[in-house]
Amino acid sequence: MSVAEKSQKKSGGLGETVSVIVQALLLALVIRTLLFQPFSIPSGSMRPTLLEGDYLFVTKWSYGFSRYSLPFGPDLFSGRIWGAEPKRGDVAVFKFPPDPSVDYIKRVVGLPGDKIQVKDGQLFINGAGVQRQKVGQIDNRDITEESGPVDVYRETLPNGVSYDTLDLIPNSIGDNTQEFDVPPGHYFMMGDNRDNSSDSRFTVGFVPDENLVGRANVIFFSIGGSASPLEIWKWPSQMRASRLLQFVK
């Protein structure tokens, strides 16, 4: 084989490698933009439903697509394409309205046009109290972040969606609020860890439809003890095997 032939073969092999890499990156971009996006839980605001160290897949098509469906949120268009309204009770990832570079995850409790209020720890929607029943206590620091037992209340929304909430502090600042009128095209979000959640009662405010990224769907990995999933040697002691492949409710 001549030097020219060897050079041509090497050049062709490099070109094929680059082509495969580019195709793989484009495929990953399409999947991340249109189908699924991995998301890690950064705080305890959704305990006991979601824990720090949970890794989820978020379905991007659930609410249609906006500029925030794309990496870095380029201002290419406004509104949503193939938009669909979230259901009350969905656990949704969205862009923090004051700073869209930050991802938040909360539960949708208020839809456009709703009147939302919390009185004595009970959620009210359009003047009607949401069913709230104490179901026991959790005494597990990995779940509650607390060193002692924490009261657990199960809420059932008007559409039948039920989930557990934590009550860390009786008569906390978020247990009694003003009545919020959710404007058109916006949603009211709350964390399940009611006394430790920055949500629509406070700094988050109403979340515009455009800021929705997707619905939390399934936990594909979970590890406690502030461990990284890359620290494989910690898996035997810190991996939460019971949470793997659990659907988010």
Foldseek 3Di string as FASTA:
>chain_A
DDPVVVVVVVVVVVVVVVVVVVVVVVVVQCCQLQAWDKDADDDLLQFPLDAHQWIFIFGQPPAAHFLVSHPPSDPPDGDGDNGDDDDQQFWFWFAQVVGRVDIDTFGFHFAAQWKWWAAQQFIDINRHTWDKAWDAWDCDCRRVVDNGIWIKIWTAHPVGDIDIATDHDGPAPRRGADIDGHHPQWTFGGHSPRRPDDTCRHRRNTHGSNGTRGTTFAGQWGFDPPDDPVPVVCCVPTTPVVRHGHTRD
